[in-house]
Amino acid sequence: MITYQCNENMDKATTEAINKAVRDLREGKLVIYPTETVYGIGADVFDEAAAKKVYMAKSRPFDMPLSVAVSDLEMMRTIAEVTPTVERLAEVFLPGPLTLIIKKKPNVPDIVTSMSDKVGIRIPDHPIARELARRFGPIITTSANKHSKPDAVTAQQAAKDLSEYAEICLDSGPCSLGKPSTIVWLKDEEMEIVRQGAIARKQIEEALDAKL
C-alpha cells in the first residue's frame, strides 16, 4: 500500500492523490481515506466484487450492512429516496457526523445493504472525502479497521489493520472528531437512534421538532 500525504487545502499533491484513488476505485480496488469521524475504507458501491473485498478485508460478517458516502444531497438522491425529513436533517447536520438509514434505490447492490431495502448514507465533513466522492460517485464508507477492533483515527492505525488490502491511503492527519457518526433510522417518518455517535439524540429531536 502506498500512503499519500494530503492537505485539506487541496494542494496539487492532494489533488493528484485523489485522482489516483479515483482510478483505483474504478478498477475495483480499495482505498483508505480520511473523514472527520474516523478513517474509512472505500470501494465502488455498484461493484459487488469490490464490496465483497471490503467485507473480507475487515473480516466483517456479511449480515452487517455497509454505509455509503456521497458528496451532496443530489448524489444522495441517485441511490436513495430523500424525503422532506431527510432533507431537514441534511440541512441541519450534513456535511457532518450523521448517517441516515433510508430506503435505497434498486441500483444499490444487495450485498452492500445485507439484503435490506434500506441503505445508510452520509455526507462527510471532510474536504478530501467529499472531493473523492464528487469525482468518483457514491463510495462505500466503513471504518478502516478489522471488525470489532478500535476505530482508526489516524492513517497509521488504518494501515496497521488493512495495508495488505488497500492499494493506497490518503493521509491527512488525525481525524478531527475521532468518534463515529450517529446512525439514525428513519422509518415512516419516525426516528430511531441505531448508534449514538458525535451528534446527540436531543440535537436530532430538536431539529425535527423545529420542522413542525
N, C-alpha and C. Protein backbone atom coordinates (compact mmCIF):
# COMPACT_ATOMS: atom_id res chain seq x y z
N MET A 1 0.84 -1.20 0.00
CA MET A 1 0.00 0.00 0.00
C MET A 1 0.87 1.24 0.00
N ILE A 2 0.48 2.22 -0.81
CA ILE A 2 1.20 3.49 -0.87
C ILE A 2 0.41 4.54 -0.10
N THR A 3 1.09 5.27 0.77
CA THR A 3 0.46 6.34 1.54
C THR A 3 0.81 7.69 0.93
N TYR A 4 -0.20 8.51 0.70
CA TYR A 4 -0.01 9.85 0.17
C TYR A 4 -0.33 10.87 1.26
N GLN A 5 0.59 11.78 1.51
CA GLN A 5 0.34 12.85 2.46
C GLN A 5 -0.55 13.90 1.79
N CYS A 6 -1.68 14.15 2.40
CA CYS A 6 -2.67 15.05 1.79
C CYS A 6 -2.93 16.26 2.67
N ASN A 7 -3.40 17.30 2.03
CA ASN A 7 -3.67 18.56 2.71
C ASN A 7 -5.12 18.94 2.48
N GLU A 8 -5.82 19.32 3.54
CA GLU A 8 -7.23 19.67 3.40
C GLU A 8 -7.44 20.92 2.56
N ASN A 9 -6.39 21.66 2.32
CA ASN A 9 -6.50 22.83 1.44
C ASN A 9 -6.49 22.44 -0.04
N MET A 10 -6.39 21.12 -0.29
CA MET A 10 -6.47 20.59 -1.65
C MET A 10 -5.36 21.14 -2.54
N ASP A 11 -4.11 21.01 -2.09
CA ASP A 11 -2.99 21.44 -2.92
C ASP A 11 -2.79 20.46 -4.07
N LYS A 12 -1.80 20.74 -4.91
CA LYS A 12 -1.59 19.94 -6.12
C LYS A 12 -1.32 18.47 -5.80
N ALA A 13 -0.48 18.21 -4.79
CA ALA A 13 -0.16 16.84 -4.43
C ALA A 13 -1.41 16.08 -3.96
N THR A 14 -2.27 16.77 -3.21
CA THR A 14 -3.51 16.15 -2.74
C THR A 14 -4.44 15.84 -3.90
N THR A 15 -4.55 16.77 -4.82
CA THR A 15 -5.39 16.56 -6.00
C THR A 15 -4.91 15.36 -6.80
N GLU A 16 -3.61 15.24 -6.97
CA GLU A 16 -3.06 14.10 -7.71
C GLU A 16 -3.32 12.79 -6.97
N ALA A 17 -3.23 12.82 -5.64
CA ALA A 17 -3.51 11.61 -4.85
C ALA A 17 -4.96 11.19 -4.98
N ILE A 18 -5.86 12.17 -4.95
CA ILE A 18 -7.29 11.86 -5.12
C ILE A 18 -7.55 11.29 -6.51
N ASN A 19 -6.90 11.85 -7.51
CA ASN A 19 -7.05 11.32 -8.87
C ASN A 19 -6.61 9.85 -8.93
N LYS A 20 -5.53 9.53 -8.25
CA LYS A 20 -5.06 8.13 -8.21
C LYS A 20 -6.09 7.26 -7.50
N ALA A 21 -6.65 7.76 -6.41
CA ALA A 21 -7.67 7.00 -5.68
C ALA A 21 -8.89 6.74 -6.56
N VAL A 22 -9.28 7.73 -7.33
CA VAL A 22 -10.43 7.57 -8.24
C VAL A 22 -10.13 6.47 -9.26
N ARG A 23 -8.94 6.47 -9.81
CA ARG A 23 -8.58 5.43 -10.79
C ARG A 23 -8.62 4.05 -10.15
N ASP A 24 -8.13 3.94 -8.92
CA ASP A 24 -8.14 2.66 -8.23
C ASP A 24 -9.57 2.19 -7.97
N LEU A 25 -10.43 3.10 -7.55
CA LEU A 25 -11.83 2.74 -7.31
C LEU A 25 -12.49 2.24 -8.59
N ARG A 26 -12.19 2.86 -9.69
CA ARG A 26 -12.76 2.44 -10.98
C ARG A 26 -12.29 1.04 -11.37
N GLU A 27 -11.13 0.65 -10.86
CA GLU A 27 -10.58 -0.68 -11.15
C GLU A 27 -11.01 -1.72 -10.13
N GLY A 28 -11.91 -1.34 -9.23
CA GLY A 28 -12.40 -2.29 -8.24
C GLY A 28 -11.50 -2.48 -7.04
N LYS A 29 -10.58 -1.54 -6.84
CA LYS A 29 -9.65 -1.63 -5.71
C LYS A 29 -10.19 -0.89 -4.50
N LEU A 30 -9.56 -1.14 -3.35
CA LEU A 30 -9.96 -0.50 -2.10
C LEU A 30 -9.04 0.67 -1.79
N VAL A 31 -9.60 1.70 -1.16
CA VAL A 31 -8.86 2.92 -0.84
C VAL A 31 -9.16 3.31 0.61
N ILE A 32 -8.14 3.68 1.35
CA ILE A 32 -8.32 4.21 2.71
C ILE A 32 -8.30 5.73 2.61
N TYR A 33 -9.28 6.37 3.25
CA TYR A 33 -9.39 7.82 3.13
C TYR A 33 -9.89 8.43 4.45
N PRO A 34 -9.61 9.71 4.68
CA PRO A 34 -9.99 10.34 5.94
C PRO A 34 -11.41 10.90 5.91
N THR A 35 -12.05 10.89 7.07
CA THR A 35 -13.28 11.65 7.29
C THR A 35 -13.09 12.40 8.60
N GLU A 36 -14.07 13.20 8.98
CA GLU A 36 -13.95 13.92 10.25
C GLU A 36 -14.15 13.00 11.45
N THR A 37 -14.76 11.84 11.23
CA THR A 37 -15.05 10.91 12.34
C THR A 37 -13.90 9.93 12.53
N VAL A 38 -13.74 9.00 11.59
CA VAL A 38 -12.66 8.03 11.61
C VAL A 38 -12.19 7.80 10.18
N TYR A 39 -11.07 7.13 10.02
CA TYR A 39 -10.63 6.77 8.67
C TYR A 39 -11.54 5.68 8.12
N GLY A 40 -11.84 5.79 6.82
CA GLY A 40 -12.70 4.81 6.19
C GLY A 40 -11.97 4.02 5.13
N ILE A 41 -12.51 2.84 4.84
CA ILE A 41 -12.03 2.09 3.68
C ILE A 41 -13.16 2.06 2.67
N GLY A 42 -12.85 2.46 1.45
CA GLY A 42 -13.89 2.66 0.47
C GLY A 42 -13.73 1.80 -0.76
N ALA A 43 -14.85 1.66 -1.48
CA ALA A 43 -14.90 0.92 -2.73
C ALA A 43 -16.08 1.43 -3.53
N ASP A 44 -16.15 1.02 -4.78
CA ASP A 44 -17.26 1.38 -5.65
C ASP A 44 -18.54 0.72 -5.14
N VAL A 45 -19.54 1.51 -4.81
CA VAL A 45 -20.81 0.99 -4.28
C VAL A 45 -21.46 0.02 -5.26
N PHE A 46 -21.31 0.27 -6.56
CA PHE A 46 -22.03 -0.51 -7.57
C PHE A 46 -21.27 -1.76 -8.02
N ASP A 47 -20.08 -1.97 -7.47
CA ASP A 47 -19.24 -3.11 -7.83
C ASP A 47 -19.36 -4.17 -6.73
N GLU A 48 -20.12 -5.22 -6.99
CA GLU A 48 -20.36 -6.24 -5.96
C GLU A 48 -19.07 -6.94 -5.54
N ALA A 49 -18.18 -7.17 -6.47
CA ALA A 49 -16.91 -7.82 -6.12
C ALA A 49 -16.08 -6.93 -5.20
N ALA A 50 -16.10 -5.62 -5.47
CA ALA A 50 -15.36 -4.69 -4.62
C ALA A 50 -15.97 -4.62 -3.22
N ALA A 51 -17.31 -4.63 -3.15
CA ALA A 51 -17.96 -4.64 -1.84
C ALA A 51 -17.58 -5.89 -1.05
N LYS A 52 -17.51 -7.01 -1.74
CA LYS A 52 -17.11 -8.26 -1.07
C LYS A 52 -15.69 -8.14 -0.52
N LYS A 53 -14.81 -7.47 -1.26
CA LYS A 53 -13.44 -7.26 -0.79
C LYS A 53 -13.42 -6.49 0.53
N VAL A 54 -14.33 -5.52 0.66
CA VAL A 54 -14.39 -4.73 1.90
C VAL A 54 -14.75 -5.64 3.08
N TYR A 55 -15.78 -6.46 2.89
CA TYR A 55 -16.16 -7.39 3.95
C TYR A 55 -14.99 -8.30 4.32
N MET A 56 -14.31 -8.83 3.31
CA MET A 56 -13.22 -9.76 3.56
C MET A 56 -12.04 -9.06 4.25
N ALA A 57 -11.73 -7.85 3.81
CA ALA A 57 -10.61 -7.11 4.40
C ALA A 57 -10.84 -6.85 5.89
N LYS A 58 -12.07 -6.50 6.23
CA LYS A 58 -12.41 -6.18 7.62
C LYS A 58 -12.77 -7.41 8.46
N SER A 59 -12.88 -8.59 7.81
CA SER A 59 -13.40 -9.78 8.49
C SER A 59 -14.78 -9.45 9.08
N ARG A 60 -15.56 -8.74 8.30
CA ARG A 60 -16.87 -8.27 8.73
C ARG A 60 -17.95 -9.25 8.30
N PRO A 61 -18.85 -9.62 9.17
CA PRO A 61 -19.94 -10.52 8.78
C PRO A 61 -20.76 -9.91 7.65
N PHE A 62 -21.19 -10.76 6.73
CA PHE A 62 -21.93 -10.28 5.57
C PHE A 62 -23.34 -9.83 5.92
N ASP A 63 -23.79 -10.12 7.13
CA ASP A 63 -25.12 -9.65 7.53
C ASP A 63 -25.07 -8.29 8.22
N MET A 64 -23.90 -7.63 8.19
CA MET A 64 -23.77 -6.28 8.73
C MET A 64 -23.62 -5.30 7.56
N PRO A 65 -24.63 -4.51 7.27
CA PRO A 65 -24.60 -3.63 6.09
C PRO A 65 -23.45 -2.63 6.12
N LEU A 66 -23.07 -2.21 4.93
CA LEU A 66 -22.07 -1.16 4.76
C LEU A 66 -22.77 0.17 4.47
N SER A 67 -22.16 1.26 4.89
CA SER A 67 -22.72 2.57 4.61
C SER A 67 -22.10 3.16 3.35
N VAL A 68 -22.67 4.27 2.91
CA VAL A 68 -22.26 4.92 1.68
C VAL A 68 -21.97 6.39 1.94
N ALA A 69 -20.91 6.90 1.35
CA ALA A 69 -20.59 8.32 1.43
C ALA A 69 -20.89 8.98 0.09
N VAL A 70 -21.52 10.14 0.14
CA VAL A 70 -21.81 10.92 -1.07
C VAL A 70 -21.30 12.34 -0.86
N SER A 71 -21.22 13.08 -1.96
CA SER A 71 -20.66 14.43 -1.87
C SER A 71 -21.70 15.48 -1.51
N ASP A 72 -22.97 15.19 -1.83
CA ASP A 72 -24.01 16.18 -1.58
C ASP A 72 -25.39 15.52 -1.66
N LEU A 73 -26.42 16.32 -1.42
CA LEU A 73 -27.78 15.80 -1.39
C LEU A 73 -28.22 15.30 -2.76
N GLU A 74 -27.78 15.94 -3.82
CA GLU A 74 -28.14 15.50 -5.17
C GLU A 74 -27.61 14.10 -5.44
N MET A 75 -26.39 13.82 -5.02
CA MET A 75 -25.84 12.48 -5.20
C MET A 75 -26.58 11.47 -4.34
N MET A 76 -27.01 11.90 -3.16
CA MET A 76 -27.80 11.01 -2.30
C MET A 76 -29.08 10.58 -3.01
N ARG A 77 -29.68 11.49 -3.74
CA ARG A 77 -30.93 11.19 -4.43
C ARG A 77 -30.76 10.13 -5.53
N THR A 78 -29.53 9.95 -6.01
CA THR A 78 -29.31 8.97 -7.07
C THR A 78 -29.35 7.54 -6.55
N ILE A 79 -29.24 7.35 -5.23
CA ILE A 79 -29.19 5.98 -4.70
C ILE A 79 -30.23 5.73 -3.61
N ALA A 80 -30.98 6.75 -3.22
CA ALA A 80 -31.94 6.58 -2.13
C ALA A 80 -33.09 7.56 -2.28
N GLU A 81 -34.18 7.27 -1.57
CA GLU A 81 -35.35 8.14 -1.58
C GLU A 81 -35.21 9.20 -0.50
N VAL A 82 -35.13 10.44 -0.92
CA VAL A 82 -34.90 11.56 0.01
C VAL A 82 -36.24 12.21 0.32
N THR A 83 -36.71 12.02 1.53
CA THR A 83 -37.98 12.58 1.99
C THR A 83 -37.76 13.98 2.57
N PRO A 84 -38.83 14.72 2.84
CA PRO A 84 -38.66 16.02 3.50
C PRO A 84 -37.94 15.93 4.84
N THR A 85 -38.14 14.83 5.59
CA THR A 85 -37.45 14.67 6.87
C THR A 85 -35.95 14.49 6.64
N VAL A 86 -35.60 13.72 5.64
CA VAL A 86 -34.18 13.55 5.30
C VAL A 86 -33.58 14.89 4.90
N GLU A 87 -34.32 15.66 4.11
CA GLU A 87 -33.83 16.97 3.69
C GLU A 87 -33.61 17.88 4.89
N ARG A 88 -34.52 17.81 5.86
CA ARG A 88 -34.39 18.65 7.04
C ARG A 88 -33.13 18.29 7.83
N LEU A 89 -32.92 17.01 8.08
CA LEU A 89 -31.74 16.59 8.84
C LEU A 89 -30.46 16.88 8.06
N ALA A 90 -30.52 16.72 6.75
CA ALA A 90 -29.34 17.05 5.93
C ALA A 90 -29.03 18.54 6.00
N GLU A 91 -30.08 19.36 6.00
CA GLU A 91 -29.90 20.81 6.07
C GLU A 91 -29.20 21.22 7.37
N VAL A 92 -29.55 20.54 8.47
CA VAL A 92 -29.02 20.91 9.77
C VAL A 92 -27.65 20.29 10.04
N PHE A 93 -27.47 19.01 9.66
CA PHE A 93 -26.31 18.26 10.14
C PHE A 93 -25.31 17.84 9.07
N LEU A 94 -25.66 17.95 7.81
CA LEU A 94 -24.75 17.47 6.77
C LEU A 94 -24.23 18.64 5.92
N PRO A 95 -22.95 18.60 5.56
CA PRO A 95 -21.96 17.58 5.89
C PRO A 95 -21.72 17.50 7.40
N GLY A 96 -21.52 16.27 7.88
CA GLY A 96 -21.29 16.09 9.30
C GLY A 96 -21.43 14.64 9.71
N PRO A 97 -21.26 14.38 11.02
CA PRO A 97 -21.20 13.01 11.53
C PRO A 97 -22.57 12.38 11.76
N LEU A 98 -23.40 12.37 10.72
CA LEU A 98 -24.72 11.77 10.81
C LEU A 98 -24.92 10.82 9.63
N THR A 99 -25.27 9.57 9.93
CA THR A 99 -25.61 8.59 8.90
C THR A 99 -27.10 8.34 8.95
N LEU A 100 -27.76 8.48 7.81
CA LEU A 100 -29.21 8.30 7.72
C LEU A 100 -29.51 6.98 7.03
N ILE A 101 -30.30 6.14 7.69
CA ILE A 101 -30.74 4.89 7.08
C ILE A 101 -32.09 5.14 6.44
N ILE A 102 -32.11 5.08 5.10
CA ILE A 102 -33.33 5.40 4.35
C ILE A 102 -33.50 4.39 3.22
N LYS A 103 -34.65 4.43 2.57
CA LYS A 103 -34.97 3.45 1.53
C LYS A 103 -34.03 3.63 0.33
N LYS A 104 -33.41 2.53 -0.06
CA LYS A 104 -32.48 2.59 -1.19
C LYS A 104 -33.21 2.48 -2.52
N LYS A 105 -32.51 2.85 -3.58
CA LYS A 105 -33.00 2.64 -4.93
C LYS A 105 -32.44 1.31 -5.46
N PRO A 106 -33.08 0.74 -6.49
CA PRO A 106 -32.68 -0.58 -6.96
C PRO A 106 -31.25 -0.69 -7.47
N ASN A 107 -30.60 0.45 -7.78
CA ASN A 107 -29.24 0.38 -8.30
C ASN A 107 -28.19 0.04 -7.25
N VAL A 108 -28.56 0.07 -5.97
CA VAL A 108 -27.62 -0.28 -4.90
C VAL A 108 -27.64 -1.80 -4.70
N PRO A 109 -26.51 -2.49 -4.90
CA PRO A 109 -26.49 -3.95 -4.79
C PRO A 109 -26.87 -4.42 -3.38
N ASP A 110 -27.53 -5.56 -3.32
CA ASP A 110 -27.97 -6.12 -2.04
C ASP A 110 -26.80 -6.46 -1.12
N ILE A 111 -25.64 -6.78 -1.69
CA ILE A 111 -24.50 -7.14 -0.84
C ILE A 111 -24.09 -5.95 0.04
N VAL A 112 -24.27 -4.73 -0.47
CA VAL A 112 -23.90 -3.55 0.31
C VAL A 112 -24.81 -3.38 1.52
N THR A 113 -26.08 -3.71 1.35
CA THR A 113 -27.08 -3.48 2.41
C THR A 113 -27.50 -4.75 3.12
N SER A 114 -26.77 -5.85 2.88
CA SER A 114 -27.10 -7.14 3.51
C SER A 114 -28.55 -7.53 3.23
N MET A 115 -28.95 -7.36 1.98
CA MET A 115 -30.28 -7.74 1.50
C MET A 115 -31.40 -6.83 2.00
N SER A 116 -31.08 -5.77 2.70
CA SER A 116 -32.10 -4.84 3.18
C SER A 116 -32.51 -3.89 2.06
N ASP A 117 -33.73 -3.34 2.16
CA ASP A 117 -34.16 -2.33 1.19
C ASP A 117 -33.81 -0.93 1.66
N LYS A 118 -33.02 -0.85 2.75
CA LYS A 118 -32.56 0.43 3.28
C LYS A 118 -31.04 0.54 3.10
N VAL A 119 -30.55 1.77 3.08
CA VAL A 119 -29.12 1.99 2.97
C VAL A 119 -28.73 3.15 3.89
N GLY A 120 -27.59 3.02 4.54
CA GLY A 120 -27.05 4.09 5.38
C GLY A 120 -26.20 5.03 4.55
N ILE A 121 -26.51 6.32 4.60
CA ILE A 121 -25.80 7.31 3.78
C ILE A 121 -25.38 8.50 4.63
N ARG A 122 -24.22 9.04 4.31
CA ARG A 122 -23.83 10.30 4.94
C ARG A 122 -22.98 11.14 4.00
N ILE A 123 -22.87 12.42 4.34
CA ILE A 123 -22.01 13.36 3.63
C ILE A 123 -20.91 13.76 4.60
N PRO A 124 -19.70 13.25 4.44
CA PRO A 124 -18.63 13.54 5.41
C PRO A 124 -18.27 15.03 5.45
N ASP A 125 -17.95 15.49 6.63
CA ASP A 125 -17.50 16.88 6.79
C ASP A 125 -15.98 16.92 6.68
N HIS A 126 -15.49 16.46 5.54
CA HIS A 126 -14.05 16.43 5.29
C HIS A 126 -13.85 16.68 3.79
N PRO A 127 -13.07 17.68 3.44
CA PRO A 127 -12.94 18.05 2.02
C PRO A 127 -12.38 16.94 1.15
N ILE A 128 -11.48 16.13 1.69
CA ILE A 128 -10.89 15.06 0.87
C ILE A 128 -11.91 13.97 0.60
N ALA A 129 -12.66 13.56 1.62
CA ALA A 129 -13.69 12.54 1.43
C ALA A 129 -14.76 13.01 0.45
N ARG A 130 -15.20 14.26 0.60
CA ARG A 130 -16.24 14.78 -0.30
C ARG A 130 -15.72 14.92 -1.73
N GLU A 131 -14.48 15.36 -1.88
CA GLU A 131 -13.92 15.51 -3.22
C GLU A 131 -13.75 14.15 -3.89
N LEU A 132 -13.37 13.15 -3.11
CA LEU A 132 -13.25 11.79 -3.64
C LEU A 132 -14.61 11.31 -4.16
N ALA A 133 -15.66 11.53 -3.37
CA ALA A 133 -17.00 11.13 -3.80
C ALA A 133 -17.48 11.99 -4.97
N ARG A 134 -17.16 13.26 -4.96
CA ARG A 134 -17.60 14.14 -6.04
C ARG A 134 -17.01 13.70 -7.38
N ARG A 135 -15.75 13.30 -7.36
CA ARG A 135 -15.08 12.91 -8.61
C ARG A 135 -15.43 11.50 -9.04
N PHE A 136 -15.68 10.62 -8.07
CA PHE A 136 -15.93 9.23 -8.41
C PHE A 136 -17.41 8.87 -8.44
N GLY A 137 -18.13 9.36 -7.44
CA GLY A 137 -19.52 8.95 -7.24
C GLY A 137 -19.66 8.34 -5.86
N PRO A 138 -20.81 7.77 -5.54
CA PRO A 138 -21.02 7.18 -4.21
C PRO A 138 -19.97 6.11 -3.91
N ILE A 139 -19.43 6.15 -2.71
CA ILE A 139 -18.42 5.16 -2.32
C ILE A 139 -18.80 4.53 -0.99
N ILE A 140 -18.44 3.27 -0.85
CA ILE A 140 -18.64 2.60 0.43
C ILE A 140 -17.82 3.32 1.48
N THR A 141 -18.42 3.50 2.65
CA THR A 141 -17.69 4.10 3.77
C THR A 141 -17.93 3.25 5.01
N THR A 142 -16.87 2.66 5.50
CA THR A 142 -16.91 1.87 6.73
C THR A 142 -15.55 2.04 7.40
N SER A 143 -15.50 1.97 8.69
CA SER A 143 -14.27 2.26 9.41
C SER A 143 -13.13 1.36 8.96
N ALA A 144 -11.96 1.94 8.83
CA ALA A 144 -10.79 1.24 8.30
C ALA A 144 -10.08 0.47 9.41
N ASN A 145 -10.73 -0.58 9.86
CA ASN A 145 -10.17 -1.43 10.91
C ASN A 145 -10.78 -2.83 10.78
N LYS A 146 -10.13 -3.79 11.37
CA LYS A 146 -10.71 -5.13 11.42
C LYS A 146 -11.97 -5.10 12.29
N HIS A 147 -12.93 -5.94 11.95
CA HIS A 147 -14.18 -5.99 12.69
C HIS A 147 -13.94 -6.23 14.17
N SER A 148 -14.59 -5.43 15.00
CA SER A 148 -14.55 -5.50 16.47
C SER A 148 -13.29 -4.86 17.06
N LYS A 149 -12.36 -4.40 16.22
CA LYS A 149 -11.18 -3.70 16.73
C LYS A 149 -11.49 -2.20 16.81
N PRO A 150 -10.69 -1.43 17.57
CA PRO A 150 -10.95 0.01 17.69
C PRO A 150 -10.91 0.72 16.35
N ASP A 151 -11.75 1.76 16.23
CA ASP A 151 -11.77 2.55 15.01
C ASP A 151 -10.42 3.24 14.80
N ALA A 152 -10.05 3.41 13.54
CA ALA A 152 -8.79 4.07 13.21
C ALA A 152 -9.02 5.57 13.09
N VAL A 153 -8.34 6.34 13.92
CA VAL A 153 -8.46 7.80 13.85
C VAL A 153 -7.22 8.43 13.24
N THR A 154 -6.24 7.60 12.86
CA THR A 154 -5.08 8.06 12.11
C THR A 154 -4.84 7.09 10.95
N ALA A 155 -4.12 7.57 9.95
CA ALA A 155 -3.80 6.71 8.81
C ALA A 155 -2.93 5.54 9.23
N GLN A 156 -2.07 5.78 10.22
CA GLN A 156 -1.19 4.71 10.69
C GLN A 156 -1.98 3.57 11.31
N GLN A 157 -3.01 3.90 12.07
CA GLN A 157 -3.85 2.86 12.66
C GLN A 157 -4.60 2.09 11.58
N ALA A 158 -5.08 2.79 10.58
CA ALA A 158 -5.78 2.13 9.48
C ALA A 158 -4.84 1.19 8.73
N ALA A 159 -3.64 1.66 8.47
CA ALA A 159 -2.67 0.84 7.73
C ALA A 159 -2.28 -0.41 8.50
N LYS A 160 -2.25 -0.31 9.81
CA LYS A 160 -1.86 -1.46 10.63
C LYS A 160 -2.78 -2.64 10.39
N ASP A 161 -4.07 -2.37 10.23
CA ASP A 161 -5.04 -3.44 10.03
C ASP A 161 -5.24 -3.81 8.56
N LEU A 162 -5.16 -2.83 7.66
CA LEU A 162 -5.67 -3.05 6.31
C LEU A 162 -4.68 -2.76 5.19
N SER A 163 -3.41 -2.58 5.49
CA SER A 163 -2.45 -2.20 4.45
C SER A 163 -2.32 -3.26 3.36
N GLU A 164 -2.56 -4.52 3.67
CA GLU A 164 -2.42 -5.56 2.65
C GLU A 164 -3.64 -5.65 1.73
N TYR A 165 -4.70 -4.90 2.06
CA TYR A 165 -5.92 -4.98 1.27
C TYR A 165 -6.17 -3.75 0.41
N ALA A 166 -5.75 -2.59 0.88
CA ALA A 166 -5.98 -1.34 0.14
C ALA A 166 -4.77 -1.00 -0.71
N GLU A 167 -5.04 -0.39 -1.86
CA GLU A 167 -3.96 0.00 -2.76
C GLU A 167 -3.26 1.26 -2.27
N ILE A 168 -4.06 2.23 -1.81
CA ILE A 168 -3.47 3.49 -1.35
C ILE A 168 -4.20 3.98 -0.10
N CYS A 169 -3.52 4.87 0.60
CA CYS A 169 -4.09 5.53 1.78
C CYS A 169 -3.87 7.02 1.64
N LEU A 170 -4.95 7.77 1.76
CA LEU A 170 -4.87 9.24 1.74
C LEU A 170 -4.76 9.71 3.19
N ASP A 171 -3.59 10.17 3.58
CA ASP A 171 -3.30 10.54 4.97
C ASP A 171 -3.36 12.05 5.12
N SER A 172 -4.36 12.52 5.88
CA SER A 172 -4.45 13.96 6.14
C SER A 172 -4.32 14.26 7.63
N GLY A 173 -3.69 13.34 8.36
CA GLY A 173 -3.51 13.55 9.79
C GLY A 173 -4.66 12.99 10.60
N PRO A 174 -4.63 13.19 11.92
CA PRO A 174 -5.68 12.65 12.80
C PRO A 174 -7.07 13.20 12.47
N CYS A 175 -8.08 12.38 12.63
CA CYS A 175 -9.45 12.82 12.40
C CYS A 175 -9.85 13.87 13.44
N SER A 176 -10.57 14.87 13.01
CA SER A 176 -10.89 15.99 13.89
C SER A 176 -11.83 15.60 15.03
N LEU A 177 -12.76 14.68 14.78
CA LEU A 177 -13.69 14.26 15.83
C LEU A 177 -13.21 13.01 16.56
N GLY A 178 -12.78 12.02 15.80
CA GLY A 178 -12.26 10.80 16.41
C GLY A 178 -13.31 9.91 17.02
N LYS A 179 -14.56 10.10 16.66
CA LYS A 179 -15.63 9.21 17.12
C LYS A 179 -16.60 8.99 15.96
N PRO A 180 -17.29 7.85 15.94
CA PRO A 180 -18.14 7.52 14.79
C PRO A 180 -19.33 8.45 14.65
N SER A 181 -19.95 8.38 13.49
CA SER A 181 -21.16 9.16 13.25
C SER A 181 -22.33 8.56 14.02
N THR A 182 -23.30 9.40 14.31
CA THR A 182 -24.58 8.92 14.86
C THR A 182 -25.39 8.33 13.70
N ILE A 183 -25.94 7.15 13.91
CA ILE A 183 -26.74 6.50 12.88
C ILE A 183 -28.22 6.61 13.25
N VAL A 184 -29.00 7.17 12.33
CA VAL A 184 -30.43 7.37 12.55
C VAL A 184 -31.21 6.59 11.50
N TRP A 185 -32.16 5.81 11.95
CA TRP A 185 -33.04 5.06 11.05
C TRP A 185 -34.37 5.81 10.96
N LEU A 186 -34.70 6.24 9.76
CA LEU A 186 -35.96 6.94 9.53
C LEU A 186 -36.94 5.96 8.89
N LYS A 187 -38.00 5.63 9.62
CA LYS A 187 -39.00 4.68 9.11
C LYS A 187 -40.38 5.30 9.28
N ASP A 188 -41.07 5.46 8.16
CA ASP A 188 -42.39 6.09 8.18
C ASP A 188 -42.36 7.43 8.91
N GLU A 189 -41.29 8.16 8.68
CA GLU A 189 -41.08 9.50 9.26
C GLU A 189 -40.84 9.45 10.77
N GLU A 190 -40.69 8.26 11.34
CA GLU A 190 -40.30 8.14 12.74
C GLU A 190 -38.79 7.93 12.81
N MET A 191 -38.20 8.34 13.93
CA MET A 191 -36.76 8.33 14.07
C MET A 191 -36.32 7.36 15.16
N GLU A 192 -35.30 6.55 14.83
CA GLU A 192 -34.72 5.65 15.83
C GLU A 192 -33.20 5.78 15.78
N ILE A 193 -32.58 5.94 16.94
CA ILE A 193 -31.12 6.01 17.01
C ILE A 193 -30.58 4.59 17.01
N VAL A 194 -29.85 4.24 15.96
CA VAL A 194 -29.25 2.91 15.85
C VAL A 194 -27.90 2.88 16.55
N ARG A 195 -27.15 3.95 16.41
CA ARG A 195 -25.86 4.07 17.10
C ARG A 195 -25.67 5.52 17.53
N GLN A 196 -25.42 5.70 18.82
CA GLN A 196 -25.14 7.04 19.32
C GLN A 196 -23.70 7.40 19.00
N GLY A 197 -23.51 8.52 18.33
CA GLY A 197 -22.18 8.95 17.96
C GLY A 197 -21.96 10.41 18.31
N ALA A 198 -21.36 11.13 17.38
CA ALA A 198 -20.95 12.51 17.66
C ALA A 198 -22.12 13.47 17.83
N ILE A 199 -23.28 13.16 17.26
CA ILE A 199 -24.46 14.02 17.39
C ILE A 199 -25.43 13.41 18.38
N ALA A 200 -25.86 14.19 19.34
CA ALA A 200 -26.73 13.69 20.41
C ALA A 200 -28.18 13.55 19.93
N ARG A 201 -28.90 12.62 20.56
CA ARG A 201 -30.31 12.43 20.25
C ARG A 201 -31.09 13.74 20.38
N LYS A 202 -30.80 14.50 21.44
CA LYS A 202 -31.54 15.73 21.68
C LYS A 202 -31.39 16.70 20.51
N GLN A 203 -30.20 16.78 19.94
CA GLN A 203 -29.98 17.67 18.80
C GLN A 203 -30.85 17.26 17.61
N ILE A 204 -30.94 15.97 17.38
CA ILE A 204 -31.75 15.47 16.27
C ILE A 204 -33.23 15.74 16.51
N GLU A 205 -33.69 15.47 17.73
CA GLU A 205 -35.09 15.70 18.07
C GLU A 205 -35.45 17.18 17.93
N GLU A 206 -34.54 18.06 18.36
CA GLU A 206 -34.80 19.49 18.25
C GLU A 206 -34.88 19.93 16.80
N ALA A 207 -34.04 19.34 15.95
CA ALA A 207 -34.08 19.68 14.53
C ALA A 207 -35.39 19.24 13.90
N LEU A 208 -35.87 18.07 14.28
CA LEU A 208 -37.13 17.56 13.73
C LEU A 208 -38.32 18.35 14.28
N ASP A 209 -38.27 18.71 15.56
CA ASP A 209 -39.36 19.50 16.15
C ASP A 209 -39.46 20.88 15.49
N ALA A 210 -38.33 21.44 15.15
CA ALA A 210 -38.31 22.78 14.55
C ALA A 210 -38.96 22.77 13.16
N LYS A 211 -39.00 21.57 12.55
CA LYS A 211 -39.59 21.44 11.21
C LYS A 211 -41.12 21.53 11.28
N LEU A 212 -41.68 21.13 12.42
CA LEU A 212 -43.13 21.03 12.55
C LEU A 212 -43.79 22.42 12.66
